[in-house]
């Protein structure tokens, strides 16, 4: 087994937690029943790595086999890094008819025309997502399988999810995606997060949306005694209105677990008591970041409980409305600017 293949297996073993190793190897299905039974999964990670190296050498596995093992784990556990979203624009007439085999062939063909040394592996997940693993090389070096890029795309949709993509690789990937999906342009969607499922559900509206109604339903409160019916009646309508407006802005039920939203301010400083800052020609620049384990749920709670005012400001309600969590605010317009750029890692 080549040294590069050994290093790849060692990296995969560092990725996979010990308690998930057995099930991941079973899904991989490359070991015989006897080889699988011979592995003592209670041993240390270092000892297990040596055992797997020995079995892989015995089976004469190559890099293509090990990258399959890595893809199985990453597809089942995608929250391994920061995911960014690209948006395909201007579909051609036949964009809706692109099928999986056609996409695979054309994507590989186009990318290999652009990059001399590149390794591409494509799999279709159970949720119809097309997963792409790319190990990049260049004119002088072979593909680096220790730092692969992962791409997730649902055919006939405009969204492309990417992780571990450098600025140098981004134009190459973009061109290959445009040609293989039959689109004419691609741009940053200004949405990112570590939870791939959350940003996917936000973009594809896979959560309960609440639409405007003239008479919002009253707020339900369980296991509470009514000390004064008149006070309770007086407070019920404002509380119900707050809840309705909060759900209308952010959604009802379980919400996508978005973890952050960033606002980059480039506005004129306004404070009559501070002439030095007010008279500056340059805009006042700062960054405001909201962070939570479930940001949309936190914002909805703040609005429904009265901590934040309602109706909800468009600066916050535009997160689910526009499917973005990165905004630039300027004096040129009343809302978040579309002139934004979100760098890739």
C-alpha atoms as a PDB file:
ATOM      1  CA  UNK A   1       0.000   0.000   0.000  1.00  0.00           C
ATOM      2  CA  UNK A   2       1.360   3.430  -0.969  1.00  0.00           C
ATOM      3  CA  UNK A   3       2.331   5.893   1.756  1.00  0.00           C
ATOM      4  CA  UNK A   4      -0.306   8.378   0.583  1.00  0.00           C
ATOM      5  CA  UNK A   5      -2.972   5.694   0.920  1.00  0.00           C
ATOM      6  CA  UNK A   6      -1.810   4.862   4.444  1.00  0.00           C
ATOM      7  CA  UNK A   7      -1.933   8.527   5.435  1.00  0.00           C
ATOM      8  CA  UNK A   8      -5.439   8.784   4.019  1.00  0.00           C
ATOM      9  CA  UNK A   9      -6.613   5.818   6.093  1.00  0.00           C
ATOM     10  CA  UNK A  10      -5.005   7.286   9.206  1.00  0.00           C
ATOM     11  CA  UNK A  11      -6.854  10.560   8.575  1.00  0.00           C
ATOM     12  CA  UNK A  12     -10.158   8.724   8.142  1.00  0.00           C
ATOM     13  CA  UNK A  13      -9.592   6.877  11.402  1.00  0.00           C
ATOM     14  CA  UNK A  14      -9.057  10.195  13.173  1.00  0.00           C
ATOM     15  CA  UNK A  15     -12.356  11.447  11.743  1.00  0.00           C
ATOM     16  CA  UNK A  16     -14.530   8.492  12.735  1.00  0.00           C
ATOM     17  CA  UNK A  17     -15.332   8.173  16.465  1.00  0.00           C
ATOM     18  CA  UNK A  18     -14.614   4.729  17.907  1.00  0.00           C
ATOM     19  CA  UNK A  19     -18.283   4.060  18.722  1.00  0.00           C
ATOM     20  CA  UNK A  20     -19.252   4.629  15.056  1.00  0.00           C
ATOM     21  CA  UNK A  21     -16.453   2.603  13.495  1.00  0.00           C
ATOM     22  CA  UNK A  22     -18.233  -0.776  13.430  1.00  0.00           C
ATOM     23  CA  UNK A  23     -21.398   0.513  11.708  1.00  0.00           C
ATOM     24  CA  UNK A  24     -19.389   2.617   9.244  1.00  0.00           C
ATOM     25  CA  UNK A  25     -17.274  -0.366   8.200  1.00  0.00           C
ATOM     26  CA  UNK A  26     -20.406  -2.481   7.811  1.00  0.00           C
ATOM     27  CA  UNK A  27     -21.922   0.149   5.497  1.00  0.00           C
ATOM     28  CA  UNK A  28     -18.665   0.218   3.544  1.00  0.00           C
ATOM     29  CA  UNK A  29     -18.947  -3.538   3.014  1.00  0.00           C
ATOM     30  CA  UNK A  30     -15.338  -4.084   1.849  1.00  0.00           C
ATOM     31  CA  UNK A  31     -14.279  -6.530   4.577  1.00  0.00           C
ATOM     32  CA  UNK A  32     -15.216 -10.189   4.645  1.00  0.00           C
ATOM     33  CA  UNK A  33     -17.339 -11.487   7.517  1.00  0.00           C
ATOM     34  CA  UNK A  34     -14.250 -13.125   9.032  1.00  0.00           C
ATOM     35  CA  UNK A  35     -12.210  -9.927   8.791  1.00  0.00           C
ATOM     36  CA  UNK A  36     -15.010  -7.889  10.365  1.00  0.00           C
ATOM     37  CA  UNK A  37     -15.352 -10.361  13.249  1.00  0.00           C
ATOM     38  CA  UNK A  38     -11.601 -10.357  13.860  1.00  0.00           C
ATOM     39  CA  UNK A  39     -11.606  -6.644  14.756  1.00  0.00           C
ATOM     40  CA  UNK A  40     -11.772  -5.890  18.485  1.00  0.00           C
ATOM     41  CA  UNK A  41     -13.546  -2.534  18.551  1.00  0.00           C
ATOM     42  CA  UNK A  42     -12.833  -2.064  22.267  1.00  0.00           C
ATOM     43  CA  UNK A  43      -9.130  -1.482  21.571  1.00  0.00           C
ATOM     44  CA  UNK A  44      -7.537   1.946  21.325  1.00  0.00           C
ATOM     45  CA  UNK A  45      -7.864   4.038  18.165  1.00  0.00           C
ATOM     46  CA  UNK A  46      -4.130   3.599  17.475  1.00  0.00           C
ATOM     47  CA  UNK A  47      -4.387  -0.202  17.737  1.00  0.00           C
ATOM     48  CA  UNK A  48      -7.520  -0.269  15.543  1.00  0.00           C
ATOM     49  CA  UNK A  49      -5.736   1.812  12.917  1.00  0.00           C
ATOM     50  CA  UNK A  50      -2.895  -0.704  12.758  1.00  0.00           C
ATOM     51  CA  UNK A  51      -5.369  -3.574  12.389  1.00  0.00           C
ATOM     52  CA  UNK A  52      -7.243  -1.819   9.581  1.00  0.00           C
ATOM     53  CA  UNK A  53      -3.987  -0.972   7.817  1.00  0.00           C
ATOM     54  CA  UNK A  54      -3.051  -4.639   7.899  1.00  0.00           C
ATOM     55  CA  UNK A  55      -6.418  -5.791   6.511  1.00  0.00           C
ATOM     56  CA  UNK A  56      -6.423  -3.113   3.794  1.00  0.00           C
ATOM     57  CA  UNK A  57      -2.911  -4.158   2.731  1.00  0.00           C
ATOM     58  CA  UNK A  58      -4.013  -7.788   2.673  1.00  0.00           C
ATOM     59  CA  UNK A  59      -6.976  -6.860   0.462  1.00  0.00           C
ATOM     60  CA  UNK A  60      -4.756  -4.646  -1.724  1.00  0.00           C
ATOM     61  CA  UNK A  61      -7.052  -1.667  -1.316  1.00  0.00           C
ATOM     62  CA  UNK A  62      -6.219   1.479  -3.265  1.00  0.00           C
ATOM     63  CA  UNK A  63      -7.074   5.131  -2.664  1.00  0.00           C
ATOM     64  CA  UNK A  64     -10.397   4.818  -4.494  1.00  0.00           C
ATOM     65  CA  UNK A  65     -11.572   2.254  -1.941  1.00  0.00           C
ATOM     66  CA  UNK A  66     -10.639   4.377   1.082  1.00  0.00           C
ATOM     67  CA  UNK A  67     -12.254   7.531  -0.284  1.00  0.00           C
ATOM     68  CA  UNK A  68     -15.483   5.539  -0.450  1.00  0.00           C
ATOM     69  CA  UNK A  69     -15.181   4.814   3.283  1.00  0.00           C
ATOM     70  CA  UNK A  70     -14.632   8.506   4.007  1.00  0.00           C
ATOM     71  CA  UNK A  71     -17.652   9.521   1.921  1.00  0.00           C
ATOM     72  CA  UNK A  72     -19.923   7.109   3.782  1.00  0.00           C
ATOM     73  CA  UNK A  73     -18.975   8.685   7.099  1.00  0.00           C
ATOM     74  CA  UNK A  74     -19.157  12.309   5.890  1.00  0.00           C
ATOM     75  CA  UNK A  75     -22.530  11.779   4.195  1.00  0.00           C
ATOM     76  CA  UNK A  76     -23.969  10.399   7.433  1.00  0.00           C
ATOM     77  CA  UNK A  77     -22.214  13.045   9.572  1.00  0.00           C
ATOM     78  CA  UNK A  78     -21.935  16.189   7.449  1.00  0.00           C
ATOM     79  CA  UNK A  79     -21.463  18.718  10.256  1.00  0.00           C
ATOM     80  CA  UNK A  80     -17.668  18.468  10.129  1.00  0.00           C
ATOM     81  CA  UNK A  81     -16.846  22.037   9.089  1.00  0.00           C
ATOM     82  CA  UNK A  82     -18.242  25.280   7.715  1.00  0.00           C
ATOM     83  CA  UNK A  83     -20.603  24.931   4.768  1.00  0.00           C
ATOM     84  CA  UNK A  84     -21.152  27.747   2.264  1.00  0.00           C
ATOM     85  CA  UNK A  85     -23.916  28.081  -0.308  1.00  0.00           C
ATOM     86  CA  UNK A  86     -23.575  29.040  -3.967  1.00  0.00           C
ATOM     87  CA  UNK A  87     -26.603  29.877  -6.087  1.00  0.00           C
ATOM     88  CA  UNK A  88     -26.944  28.907  -9.748  1.00  0.00           C
ATOM     89  CA  UNK A  89     -28.547  31.561 -11.959  1.00  0.00           C
ATOM     90  CA  UNK A  90     -30.040  31.865 -15.447  1.00  0.00           C
ATOM     91  CA  UNK A  91     -30.896  28.229 -16.269  1.00  0.00           C
ATOM     92  CA  UNK A  92     -30.846  27.212 -19.900  1.00  0.00           C
ATOM     93  CA  UNK A  93     -33.865  25.625 -21.564  1.00  0.00           C
ATOM     94  CA  UNK A  94     -32.694  22.056 -20.889  1.00  0.00           C
ATOM     95  CA  UNK A  95     -31.532  22.611 -17.290  1.00  0.00           C
ATOM     96  CA  UNK A  96     -34.597  20.859 -15.865  1.00  0.00           C
ATOM     97  CA  UNK A  97     -33.833  17.671 -17.808  1.00  0.00           C
ATOM     98  CA  UNK A  98     -30.295  17.048 -16.492  1.00  0.00           C
ATOM     99  CA  UNK A  99     -30.137  13.527 -15.016  1.00  0.00           C
ATOM    100  CA  UNK A 100     -27.645  11.981 -12.629  1.00  0.00           C
ATOM    101  CA  UNK A 101     -25.554   9.993 -15.124  1.00  0.00           C
ATOM    102  CA  UNK A 102     -25.371  12.942 -17.500  1.00  0.00           C
ATOM    103  CA  UNK A 103     -24.372  15.261 -14.648  1.00  0.00           C
ATOM    104  CA  UNK A 104     -21.665  12.879 -13.388  1.00  0.00           C
ATOM    105  CA  UNK A 105     -20.090  12.416 -16.799  1.00  0.00           C
ATOM    106  CA  UNK A 106     -20.105  16.086 -17.704  1.00  0.00           C
ATOM    107  CA  UNK A 107     -18.936  17.333 -14.307  1.00  0.00           C
ATOM    108  CA  UNK A 108     -15.953  14.987 -14.301  1.00  0.00           C
ATOM    109  CA  UNK A 109     -15.148  15.770 -17.919  1.00  0.00           C
ATOM    110  CA  UNK A 110     -15.289  19.555 -17.493  1.00  0.00           C
ATOM    111  CA  UNK A 111     -13.315  19.636 -14.233  1.00  0.00           C
ATOM    112  CA  UNK A 112     -10.601  17.365 -15.602  1.00  0.00           C
ATOM    113  CA  UNK A 113     -10.236  19.692 -18.569  1.00  0.00           C
ATOM    114  CA  UNK A 114      -9.593  22.555 -16.146  1.00  0.00           C
ATOM    115  CA  UNK A 115      -7.340  20.715 -13.678  1.00  0.00           C
ATOM    116  CA  UNK A 116      -4.649  18.331 -14.828  1.00  0.00           C
ATOM    117  CA  UNK A 117      -4.481  16.281 -11.621  1.00  0.00           C
ATOM    118  CA  UNK A 118      -7.804  15.916  -9.837  1.00  0.00           C
ATOM    119  CA  UNK A 119      -9.679  13.031  -8.210  1.00  0.00           C
ATOM    120  CA  UNK A 120     -13.487  13.089  -8.314  1.00  0.00           C
ATOM    121  CA  UNK A 121     -15.919  10.718  -6.623  1.00  0.00           C
ATOM    122  CA  UNK A 122     -19.700  11.168  -6.904  1.00  0.00           C
ATOM    123  CA  UNK A 123     -22.426   9.392  -4.933  1.00  0.00           C
ATOM    124  CA  UNK A 124     -26.179   9.836  -4.653  1.00  0.00           C
ATOM    125  CA  UNK A 125     -27.521   9.971  -1.109  1.00  0.00           C
ATOM    126  CA  UNK A 126     -30.819   8.505   0.073  1.00  0.00           C
ATOM    127  CA  UNK A 127     -32.413  11.990   0.153  1.00  0.00           C
ATOM    128  CA  UNK A 128     -31.635  12.450  -3.579  1.00  0.00           C
ATOM    129  CA  UNK A 129     -28.675  14.734  -2.876  1.00  0.00           C
ATOM    130  CA  UNK A 130     -25.658  14.332  -5.145  1.00  0.00           C
ATOM    131  CA  UNK A 131     -22.447  14.278  -3.077  1.00  0.00           C
ATOM    132  CA  UNK A 132     -19.135  15.113  -4.744  1.00  0.00           C
ATOM    133  CA  UNK A 133     -15.694  14.561  -3.226  1.00  0.00           C
ATOM    134  CA  UNK A 134     -12.863  16.427  -4.949  1.00  0.00           C
ATOM    135  CA  UNK A 135      -9.160  15.970  -4.177  1.00  0.00           C
ATOM    136  CA  UNK A 136      -7.292  18.795  -5.877  1.00  0.00           C
ATOM    137  CA  UNK A 137      -3.882  18.684  -7.492  1.00  0.00           C
ATOM    138  CA  UNK A 138      -2.189  20.905 -10.048  1.00  0.00           C
ATOM    139  CA  UNK A 139       0.174  20.656 -12.994  1.00  0.00           C
ATOM    140  CA  UNK A 140       3.038  19.512 -10.792  1.00  0.00           C
ATOM    141  CA  UNK A 141       1.494  17.662  -7.845  1.00  0.00           C
ATOM    142  CA  UNK A 142      -0.984  14.767  -7.486  1.00  0.00           C
ATOM    143  CA  UNK A 143      -4.421  15.157  -5.837  1.00  0.00           C
ATOM    144  CA  UNK A 144      -4.242  15.905  -2.119  1.00  0.00           C
ATOM    145  CA  UNK A 145      -6.633  13.423  -0.512  1.00  0.00           C
ATOM    146  CA  UNK A 146      -5.916  14.786   2.972  1.00  0.00           C
ATOM    147  CA  UNK A 147      -7.790  18.049   2.236  1.00  0.00           C
ATOM    148  CA  UNK A 148     -10.738  17.167   0.004  1.00  0.00           C
ATOM    149  CA  UNK A 149     -13.547  19.509  -0.982  1.00  0.00           C
ATOM    150  CA  UNK A 150     -17.114  18.285  -0.534  1.00  0.00           C
ATOM    151  CA  UNK A 151     -19.987  19.522  -2.690  1.00  0.00           C
ATOM    152  CA  UNK A 152     -23.694  18.737  -2.205  1.00  0.00           C
ATOM    153  CA  UNK A 153     -26.222  19.495  -4.933  1.00  0.00           C
ATOM    154  CA  UNK A 154     -29.845  18.556  -5.536  1.00  0.00           C
ATOM    155  CA  UNK A 155     -30.428  18.262  -9.266  1.00  0.00           C
ATOM    156  CA  UNK A 156     -32.912  20.743 -10.773  1.00  0.00           C
ATOM    157  CA  UNK A 157     -32.394  23.133  -7.829  1.00  0.00           C
ATOM    158  CA  UNK A 158     -30.244  26.293  -7.791  1.00  0.00           C
ATOM    159  CA  UNK A 159     -28.399  25.616  -4.520  1.00  0.00           C
ATOM    160  CA  UNK A 160     -24.861  24.218  -4.253  1.00  0.00           C
ATOM    161  CA  UNK A 161     -23.416  23.509  -0.792  1.00  0.00           C
ATOM    162  CA  UNK A 162     -19.629  23.424  -0.464  1.00  0.00           C
ATOM    163  CA  UNK A 163     -17.083  22.961   2.305  1.00  0.00           C
ATOM    164  CA  UNK A 164     -13.290  23.228   2.386  1.00  0.00           C
ATOM    165  CA  UNK A 165     -13.067  25.158  -0.879  1.00  0.00           C
ATOM    166  CA  UNK A 166     -10.241  27.665  -1.385  1.00  0.00           C
ATOM    167  CA  UNK A 167     -10.492  30.897  -3.379  1.00  0.00           C
ATOM    168  CA  UNK A 168      -8.157  29.406  -5.995  1.00  0.00           C
ATOM    169  CA  UNK A 169     -10.392  26.350  -6.468  1.00  0.00           C
ATOM    170  CA  UNK A 170     -13.707  28.206  -6.424  1.00  0.00           C
ATOM    171  CA  UNK A 171     -13.660  29.461 -10.082  1.00  0.00           C
ATOM    172  CA  UNK A 172     -12.793  25.959 -11.298  1.00  0.00           C
ATOM    173  CA  UNK A 173     -15.647  24.343  -9.374  1.00  0.00           C
ATOM    174  CA  UNK A 174     -18.045  27.101 -10.433  1.00  0.00           C
ATOM    175  CA  UNK A 175     -17.293  26.621 -14.115  1.00  0.00           C
ATOM    176  CA  UNK A 176     -17.697  22.846 -13.908  1.00  0.00           C
ATOM    177  CA  UNK A 177     -21.032  23.248 -12.078  1.00  0.00           C
ATOM    178  CA  UNK A 178     -22.339  25.761 -14.616  1.00  0.00           C
ATOM    179  CA  UNK A 179     -21.525  23.567 -17.593  1.00  0.00           C
ATOM    180  CA  UNK A 180     -22.839  20.336 -16.081  1.00  0.00           C
ATOM    181  CA  UNK A 181     -26.098  21.835 -14.710  1.00  0.00           C
ATOM    182  CA  UNK A 182     -26.854  24.014 -17.776  1.00  0.00           C
ATOM    183  CA  UNK A 183     -26.754  27.407 -16.018  1.00  0.00           C
ATOM    184  CA  UNK A 184     -25.107  30.635 -17.119  1.00  0.00           C
ATOM    185  CA  UNK A 185     -24.088  32.285 -13.843  1.00  0.00           C
ATOM    186  CA  UNK A 186     -23.317  31.465 -10.210  1.00  0.00           C
ATOM    187  CA  UNK A 187     -22.950  33.653  -7.126  1.00  0.00           C
ATOM    188  CA  UNK A 188     -22.501  33.507  -3.356  1.00  0.00           C
ATOM    189  CA  UNK A 189     -25.836  33.002  -1.591  1.00  0.00           C
ATOM    190  CA  UNK A 190     -24.586  34.722   1.597  1.00  0.00           C
ATOM    191  CA  UNK A 191     -25.589  31.766   3.737  1.00  0.00           C
ATOM    192  CA  UNK A 192     -23.244  29.596   5.755  1.00  0.00           C
ATOM    193  CA  UNK A 193     -23.229  27.363   8.815  1.00  0.00           C
ATOM    194  CA  UNK A 194     -21.831  24.217  10.365  1.00  0.00           C
ATOM    195  CA  UNK A 195     -25.197  22.456  10.254  1.00  0.00           C
ATOM    196  CA  UNK A 196     -25.749  21.410   6.634  1.00  0.00           C
ATOM    197  CA  UNK A 197     -29.289  20.207   7.324  1.00  0.00           C
ATOM    198  CA  UNK A 198     -30.240  23.576   8.830  1.00  0.00           C
ATOM    199  CA  UNK A 199     -29.070  25.722   5.922  1.00  0.00           C
ATOM    200  CA  UNK A 200     -30.588  23.262   3.436  1.00  0.00           C
ATOM    201  CA  UNK A 201     -33.968  23.333   5.203  1.00  0.00           C
ATOM    202  CA  UNK A 202     -33.851  27.126   5.401  1.00  0.00           C
ATOM    203  CA  UNK A 203     -33.226  27.487   1.656  1.00  0.00           C
ATOM    204  CA  UNK A 204     -35.721  24.813   0.625  1.00  0.00           C
ATOM    205  CA  UNK A 205     -38.369  26.008   3.100  1.00  0.00           C
ATOM    206  CA  UNK A 206     -38.519  22.626   4.834  1.00  0.00           C
ATOM    207  CA  UNK A 207     -40.127  23.980   7.978  1.00  0.00           C
ATOM    208  CA  UNK A 208     -43.598  25.144   9.039  1.00  0.00           C
ATOM    209  CA  UNK A 209     -44.301  28.592   7.636  1.00  0.00           C
ATOM    210  CA  UNK A 210     -47.027  30.797   9.106  1.00  0.00           C
ATOM    211  CA  UNK A 211     -48.956  33.036   6.729  1.00  0.00           C
ATOM    212  CA  UNK A 212     -50.840  36.220   7.627  1.00  0.00           C
ATOM    213  CA  UNK A 213     -54.387  35.879   8.957  1.00  0.00           C
ATOM    214  CA  UNK A 214     -56.859  38.503  10.120  1.00  0.00           C
ATOM    215  CA  UNK A 215     -57.578  36.785  13.435  1.00  0.00           C
ATOM    216  CA  UNK A 216     -54.604  35.068  15.090  1.00  0.00           C
ATOM    217  CA  UNK A 217     -55.395  32.128  17.327  1.00  0.00           C
ATOM    218  CA  UNK A 218     -55.091  32.762  21.093  1.00  0.00           C
ATOM    219  CA  UNK A 219     -51.912  31.796  22.894  1.00  0.00           C
ATOM    220  CA  UNK A 220     -52.278  28.385  24.537  1.00  0.00           C
ATOM    221  CA  UNK A 221     -50.920  28.112  28.078  1.00  0.00           C
ATOM    222  CA  UNK A 222     -51.067  24.777  29.847  1.00  0.00           C
ATOM    223  CA  UNK A 223     -51.160  24.047  33.570  1.00  0.00           C
ATOM    224  CA  UNK A 224     -51.672  27.679  34.642  1.00  0.00           C
ATOM    225  CA  UNK A 225     -54.318  28.864  37.063  1.00  0.00           C
ATOM    226  CA  UNK A 226     -56.250  31.998  36.134  1.00  0.00           C
ATOM    227  CA  UNK A 227     -56.005  34.296  39.111  1.00  0.00           C
ATOM    228  CA  UNK A 228     -58.100  37.070  37.554  1.00  0.00           C
ATOM    229  CA  UNK A 229     -60.209  36.302  34.476  1.00  0.00           C
ATOM    230  CA  UNK A 230     -60.467  39.979  33.491  1.00  0.00           C
ATOM    231  CA  UNK A 231     -56.698  40.519  33.574  1.00  0.00           C
ATOM    232  CA  UNK A 232     -56.145  37.235  31.762  1.00  0.00           C
ATOM    233  CA  UNK A 233     -58.589  38.260  29.028  1.00  0.00           C
ATOM    234  CA  UNK A 234     -56.966  41.670  28.670  1.00  0.00           C
ATOM    235  CA  UNK A 235     -53.479  40.164  28.317  1.00  0.00           C
ATOM    236  CA  UNK A 236     -54.455  37.256  26.062  1.00  0.00           C
ATOM    237  CA  UNK A 237     -54.994  39.270  22.883  1.00  0.00           C
ATOM    238  CA  UNK A 238     -51.622  41.132  22.921  1.00  0.00           C
ATOM    239  CA  UNK A 239     -49.828  37.880  23.771  1.00  0.00           C
ATOM    240  CA  UNK A 240     -51.580  36.074  20.923  1.00  0.00           C
ATOM    241  CA  UNK A 241     -50.664  38.881  18.531  1.00  0.00           C
ATOM    242  CA  UNK A 242     -47.003  38.740  19.576  1.00  0.00           C
ATOM    243  CA  UNK A 243     -46.914  34.977  19.078  1.00  0.00           C
ATOM    244  CA  UNK A 244     -48.591  35.231  15.686  1.00  0.00           C
ATOM    245  CA  UNK A 245     -46.209  37.946  14.447  1.00  0.00           C
ATOM    246  CA  UNK A 246     -43.193  36.016  15.749  1.00  0.00           C
ATOM    247  CA  UNK A 247     -44.307  32.835  13.968  1.00  0.00           C
ATOM    248  CA  UNK A 248     -45.133  34.789  10.806  1.00  0.00           C
ATOM    249  CA  UNK A 249     -41.587  36.202  10.796  1.00  0.00           C
ATOM    250  CA  UNK A 250     -39.611  33.066  11.686  1.00  0.00           C
ATOM    251  CA  UNK A 251     -41.948  30.103  11.179  1.00  0.00           C
ATOM    252  CA  UNK A 252     -43.943  27.786  13.415  1.00  0.00           C
ATOM    253  CA  UNK A 253     -43.034  24.442  14.961  1.00  0.00           C
ATOM    254  CA  UNK A 254     -39.456  23.162  14.759  1.00  0.00           C
ATOM    255  CA  UNK A 255     -37.112  25.583  12.979  1.00  0.00           C
ATOM    256  CA  UNK A 256     -33.820  24.988  11.112  1.00  0.00           C
ATOM    257  CA  UNK A 257     -30.978  25.111  13.637  1.00  0.00           C
ATOM    258  CA  UNK A 258     -29.149  28.076  12.145  1.00  0.00           C
ATOM    259  CA  UNK A 259     -26.343  29.080  14.490  1.00  0.00           C
ATOM    260  CA  UNK A 260     -25.419  32.639  13.508  1.00  0.00           C
ATOM    261  CA  UNK A 261     -26.263  35.748  11.511  1.00  0.00           C
ATOM    262  CA  UNK A 262     -23.792  38.494  10.631  1.00  0.00           C
ATOM    263  CA  UNK A 263     -24.572  42.127   9.782  1.00  0.00           C
ATOM    264  CA  UNK A 264     -21.798  44.305   8.377  1.00  0.00           C
ATOM    265  CA  UNK A 265     -22.652  47.971   8.895  1.00  0.00           C
ATOM    266  CA  UNK A 266     -21.334  50.630   6.525  1.00  0.00           C
ATOM    267  CA  UNK A 267     -23.508  53.589   7.545  1.00  0.00           C
ATOM    268  CA  UNK A 268     -23.153  57.252   8.433  1.00  0.00           C
ATOM    269  CA  UNK A 269     -22.513  57.884  12.129  1.00  0.00           C
ATOM    270  CA  UNK A 270     -25.437  59.902  13.574  1.00  0.00           C
ATOM    271  CA  UNK A 271     -24.961  61.535  16.966  1.00  0.00           C
ATOM    272  CA  UNK A 272     -25.227  65.317  17.362  1.00  0.00           C
ATOM    273  CA  UNK A 273     -23.191  65.203  20.563  1.00  0.00           C
ATOM    274  CA  UNK A 274     -20.198  63.733  18.704  1.00  0.00           C
ATOM    275  CA  UNK A 275     -19.330  66.075  15.848  1.00  0.00           C
ATOM    276  CA  UNK A 276     -15.983  64.393  15.206  1.00  0.00           C
ATOM    277  CA  UNK A 277     -17.640  61.145  14.173  1.00  0.00           C
ATOM    278  CA  UNK A 278     -20.722  62.725  12.599  1.00  0.00           C
ATOM    279  CA  UNK A 279     -18.738  64.961  10.245  1.00  0.00           C
ATOM    280  CA  UNK A 280     -16.600  62.135   8.894  1.00  0.00           C
ATOM    281  CA  UNK A 281     -17.076  61.490   5.196  1.00  0.00           C
ATOM    282  CA  UNK A 282     -16.153  57.831   5.544  1.00  0.00           C
ATOM    283  CA  UNK A 283     -18.981  55.542   6.710  1.00  0.00           C
ATOM    284  CA  UNK A 284     -18.909  54.061  10.180  1.00  0.00           C
ATOM    285  CA  UNK A 285     -17.994  50.400   9.853  1.00  0.00           C
ATOM    286  CA  UNK A 286     -18.657  47.611  12.324  1.00  0.00           C
ATOM    287  CA  UNK A 287     -19.862  44.019  12.429  1.00  0.00           C
ATOM    288  CA  UNK A 288     -22.774  42.732  14.513  1.00  0.00           C
ATOM    289  CA  UNK A 289     -23.103  38.994  15.003  1.00  0.00           C
ATOM    290  CA  UNK A 290     -26.004  37.077  16.548  1.00  0.00           C
ATOM    291  CA  UNK A 291     -25.125  33.558  17.698  1.00  0.00           C
ATOM    292  CA  UNK A 292     -27.123  30.753  19.316  1.00  0.00           C
ATOM    293  CA  UNK A 293     -27.488  26.999  19.147  1.00  0.00           C
ATOM    294  CA  UNK A 294     -30.799  27.727  17.379  1.00  0.00           C
ATOM    295  CA  UNK A 295     -30.872  31.371  16.338  1.00  0.00           C
ATOM    296  CA  UNK A 296     -34.309  31.396  14.701  1.00  0.00           C
ATOM    297  CA  UNK A 297     -35.882  29.755  17.754  1.00  0.00           C
ATOM    298  CA  UNK A 298     -34.204  32.325  20.050  1.00  0.00           C
ATOM    299  CA  UNK A 299     -35.379  35.267  17.942  1.00  0.00           C
ATOM    300  CA  UNK A 300     -38.922  33.869  17.778  1.00  0.00           C
ATOM    301  CA  UNK A 301     -38.990  33.487  21.560  1.00  0.00           C
ATOM    302  CA  UNK A 302     -37.735  37.057  22.080  1.00  0.00           C
ATOM    303  CA  UNK A 303     -40.523  38.407  19.891  1.00  0.00           C
ATOM    304  CA  UNK A 304     -43.330  36.215  21.261  1.00  0.00           C
ATOM    305  CA  UNK A 305     -42.408  36.856  24.900  1.00  0.00           C
ATOM    306  CA  UNK A 306     -42.179  40.623  24.507  1.00  0.00           C
ATOM    307  CA  UNK A 307     -38.422  40.853  25.012  1.00  0.00           C
ATOM    308  CA  UNK A 308     -38.140  42.229  21.478  1.00  0.00           C
ATOM    309  CA  UNK A 309     -40.688  44.551  19.900  1.00  0.00           C
ATOM    310  CA  UNK A 310     -43.201  43.426  17.287  1.00  0.00           C
ATOM    311  CA  UNK A 311     -43.735  43.579  14.363  1.00  0.00           C
ATOM    312  CA  UNK A 312     -40.327  42.018  13.900  1.00  0.00           C
ATOM    313  CA  UNK A 313     -37.800  44.282  12.184  1.00  0.00           C
ATOM    314  CA  UNK A 314     -37.091  43.313   8.544  1.00  0.00           C
ATOM    315  CA  UNK A 315     -33.393  43.107   9.436  1.00  0.00           C
ATOM    316  CA  UNK A 316     -34.190  39.917  11.370  1.00  0.00           C
ATOM    317  CA  UNK A 317     -37.216  38.551   9.519  1.00  0.00           C
ATOM    318  CA  UNK A 318     -35.249  38.614   6.240  1.00  0.00           C
ATOM    319  CA  UNK A 319     -33.066  35.716   7.505  1.00  0.00           C
ATOM    320  CA  UNK A 320     -35.713  33.053   6.729  1.00  0.00           C
ATOM    321  CA  UNK A 321     -37.430  35.205   4.095  1.00  0.00           C
ATOM    322  CA  UNK A 322     -34.313  35.567   1.931  1.00  0.00           C
ATOM    323  CA  UNK A 323     -32.519  32.409   3.082  1.00  0.00           C
ATOM    324  CA  UNK A 324     -29.399  34.333   4.103  1.00  0.00           C
ATOM    325  CA  UNK A 325     -27.405  34.985   7.265  1.00  0.00           C
ATOM    326  CA  UNK A 326     -24.832  37.486   5.988  1.00  0.00           C
ATOM    327  CA  UNK A 327     -25.865  41.074   5.210  1.00  0.00           C
ATOM    328  CA  UNK A 328     -24.246  44.404   4.428  1.00  0.00           C
ATOM    329  CA  UNK A 329     -26.225  47.441   5.578  1.00  0.00           C
ATOM    330  CA  UNK A 330     -25.533  50.780   3.898  1.00  0.00           C
ATOM    331  CA  UNK A 331     -27.205  54.198   3.672  1.00  0.00           C
ATOM    332  CA  UNK A 332     -28.156  53.518   0.042  1.00  0.00           C
ATOM    333  CA  UNK A 333     -31.283  51.567   0.899  1.00  0.00           C
ATOM    334  CA  UNK A 334     -33.723  50.834   3.711  1.00  0.00           C
ATOM    335  CA  UNK A 335     -32.841  47.161   4.078  1.00  0.00           C
ATOM    336  CA  UNK A 336     -29.966  44.689   3.867  1.00  0.00           C
ATOM    337  CA  UNK A 337     -27.788  45.282   0.845  1.00  0.00           C
ATOM    338  CA  UNK A 338     -27.478  42.621  -1.778  1.00  0.00           C
ATOM    339  CA  UNK A 339     -23.963  43.827  -2.510  1.00  0.00           C
ATOM    340  CA  UNK A 340     -22.317  41.304  -0.242  1.00  0.00           C
ATOM    341  CA  UNK A 341     -19.386  38.971  -0.479  1.00  0.00           C
ATOM    342  CA  UNK A 342     -18.755  36.069   1.819  1.00  0.00           C
ATOM    343  CA  UNK A 343     -15.214  34.634   1.665  1.00  0.00           C
ATOM    344  CA  UNK A 344     -14.603  30.905   1.465  1.00  0.00           C
ATOM    345  CA  UNK A 345     -12.186  29.105   3.718  1.00  0.00           C
END
